[in-house]
Amino acid sequence: MRIVVSEFVSLDGVVQAPGGAEEDTDGGFAHGGWSHPFFDPEVMGGAIDDAMARTEALLFGRRTWQTMAAAWPERAGDPFADRMNEIPKYVVTGTLGDEELTWNNTTRIPGGQALARIRELRAADGGDLQVMGSPTLVRTLLGEGLVDELRLIITPVLLGGGKRIFADDGVLRTLELVSSVTAGTGAQVCVYRPVPKG
């Protein structure tokens, strides 16, 4: 399976709380919902639908999974929501127990086993394993060289701080731009893949 990371990201690299004011207020973050003014249903919605069409499972960190699990089940009846609710899901967590995994088709990956289990999933046959949000998990996956594709929806806004997916570790990682399309709102949907070393 390919590990594909899909993120809404500001020009200054912030991915925190693109969807709503109360999504993630850690660190006093006050700009939740910042992606909405730039959403273009045709371009951005099309890119999201395209990514989901190739996705066979979703991978989340605990916090993003909890946010999604609280939102999607009540939207049943919409084709995209139905797909989100039916698709297999994995959540990396050291705190949630199996009895708390109430969102349909969710499997817990214990925090201490995360990298080994994710490597197993990546080595298995199948389509894409998509990661949404989950900045801590994404930073780890990027650091371990486990991301096969980055699908970034880059919005023309500066947020001045917040959670990011890119580590400040001094490591050079070269990416290839596979495709890019600009929405009428000024947002860009860019797909990158790592350039193999050597």
Foldseek 3Di string as FASTA:
>chain_A
DAEEEEAEAEPVFAGPQCCAQPLDCPPNQGCHVVCVLLDDCPVVVVVVVVVLVQAQEEEAEPSVLVSCQVPLVVVPPDVVSVSVQAHAYEYEDQPDDPVPNPRHNYDYDYNVCVVVVLVVVLPDDGTYHYYYDRQVVLLVCVVVVRHFKYWYFYAHDDRPDHGHNHDPPPDDWDKDWPDWDADPSRIITTMIGTDDDD
